[in-house]
Protein backbone atom coordinates (compact mmCIF):
# COMPACT_ATOMS: atom_id res chain seq x y z
CA MET A 1 108.09 143.85 73.61
CA THR A 2 104.54 143.88 74.98
CA ASP A 3 101.82 141.40 74.10
CA PRO A 4 98.92 143.31 72.47
CA GLN A 5 96.49 140.61 73.63
CA ILE A 6 97.33 140.84 77.33
CA ASN A 7 94.21 142.90 78.15
CA ASN A 8 91.91 141.15 75.68
CA PRO A 9 89.51 138.94 77.67
CA LEU A 10 88.61 137.00 74.52
CA HIS A 11 92.21 136.05 73.72
CA GLY A 12 92.41 132.29 73.27
CA VAL A 13 88.63 131.85 73.35
CA THR A 14 87.10 130.67 70.09
CA LEU A 15 83.71 131.71 68.80
CA GLU A 16 82.61 128.09 69.10
CA MET A 17 83.62 128.04 72.78
CA ILE A 18 81.73 131.29 73.38
CA LEU A 19 78.57 130.06 71.68
CA ALA A 20 78.68 126.67 73.40
CA HIS A 21 79.03 128.41 76.78
CA LEU A 22 76.07 130.70 76.08
CA VAL A 23 73.87 127.86 74.86
CA HIS A 24 74.75 125.85 77.94
CA GLN A 25 74.06 128.80 80.25
CA TYR A 26 70.93 130.23 78.63
CA GLY A 27 69.62 127.65 76.15
CA TRP A 28 68.64 128.50 72.57
CA GLU A 29 65.26 129.98 73.48
CA ASP A 30 66.60 132.46 76.03
CA LEU A 31 69.61 133.23 73.83
CA GLY A 32 67.18 134.08 71.00
CA ARG A 33 65.33 136.46 73.32
CA ARG A 34 68.54 138.14 74.45
CA ILE A 35 69.93 138.42 70.92
CA PRO A 36 67.00 138.21 68.49
CA ILE A 37 68.65 136.89 65.36
CA HIS A 38 67.17 134.26 63.07
CA CYS A 39 69.89 131.67 63.61
CA PHE A 40 69.02 131.58 67.35
CA THR A 41 65.24 131.67 67.03
CA ASN A 42 64.44 129.44 64.06
CA ASP A 43 65.74 125.85 64.16
CA PRO A 44 69.03 126.81 65.86
CA SER A 45 72.18 124.76 65.63
CA LEU A 46 75.78 125.39 66.56
CA LYS A 47 76.97 124.89 62.98
CA SER A 48 74.50 127.29 61.33
CA SER A 49 74.93 129.90 64.05
CA LEU A 50 78.73 129.81 63.78
CA LYS A 51 78.51 130.19 60.01
CA PHE A 52 76.28 133.25 60.38
CA LEU A 53 78.31 134.82 63.20
CA ARG A 54 81.59 134.43 61.33
CA ARG A 55 80.16 136.38 58.38
CA THR A 56 78.28 139.03 60.40
CA PRO A 57 80.48 141.27 62.55
CA TRP A 58 77.63 143.13 64.30
CA ALA A 59 76.02 139.86 65.43
CA ARG A 60 79.34 138.42 66.56
CA LYS A 61 79.94 141.57 68.64
CA LYS A 62 76.58 141.12 70.38
CA VAL A 63 77.42 137.49 71.19
CA GLU A 64 80.88 138.40 72.47
CA ASP A 65 79.44 141.18 74.63
CA LEU A 66 76.85 138.84 76.12
CA TYR A 67 79.58 136.29 76.82
CA LEU A 68 81.78 138.87 78.54
CA GLY A 69 78.83 139.98 80.67
CA ALA A 70 78.04 136.38 81.59
CA VAL A 71 81.66 135.60 82.50
CA ASP A 72 82.01 138.81 84.55
CA LYS A 73 78.98 137.85 86.64
CA LYS A 74 80.59 134.51 87.54
CA VAL A 75 83.73 136.13 88.91
């Protein structure tokens, strides 16, 4: 039996962990420039951003893609 998550680089990484990493690496201002969504550009907070990202698949995908790009550059 094979594990379907074996090739998933996001396996075991929560959305909160991803967002915290990106905020730490880029800061809210730069994150808002890279992904121009309201929750990053106007009075951003982890809580409000997570709420939005959990309900908005296209935005979550952009955040996950940015995270994967940022992690790949570190390796």
